[in-house]
Amino acid sequence: HETLGLKLESSLDKGPTIAQVRKGAVDDFNQLHPFQTIQAFDMLLQIGAIRGKNAILDKLGSPIDGDVVMTFHRPRRVDVLLQNPKPDQLGIKLMIKNKVPGAMVLEVHTEGLIPTWNQQHPDEAICQGDRVLAINSVTEFKETLADMLSNESELLLTFLEY
């Protein structure tokens, strides 16, 4: 994947997600096809006939000759507005990685603000594997996440739904 110019994050079972597009074949493709760009947070679902996270990562670890057909899934952005949230009332468990933007939803509990929001918005339900991209428009929150969740009377969480 280095010649493709992709830095991948592989926490999701569905497929690896793009953490960053660097110089390489994908960047070249993006410049030639500005309306079909491959972007950070897109999920790589298939290379040729190969599907599944482990098979895709194995394929990317071996030399690829000739043209490559890849299928990507672009996540949908969903904004969730919560009033008077407390960290222990969100009803989700998050995982933060140092070199990957945002925080991944590891679990959605049965009780809490997010599960209640899911019941009220079933078409936009937040699920395991989705990613919190921003909190109150702040995208760099790794160091301040606990403070933000404890001190704000209103939270606007921007999720990427896979």
Foldseek 3Di string as FASTA:
>chain_A
DVQQQFDWDQPDFQAIFTQAGGDHVLVVVCVVPVPDHRGGGKGWADKPPDGTHVRVVVVVVDDDDDDIDTDIHFFDKDKDKDFQAAPVQAQWDWADDDSGWFIFTQAGHCGHDLVVVCVVPVVPRDGGGKTFQDKPNDGPCPPPVNVSRHPDRMIITIIGHD
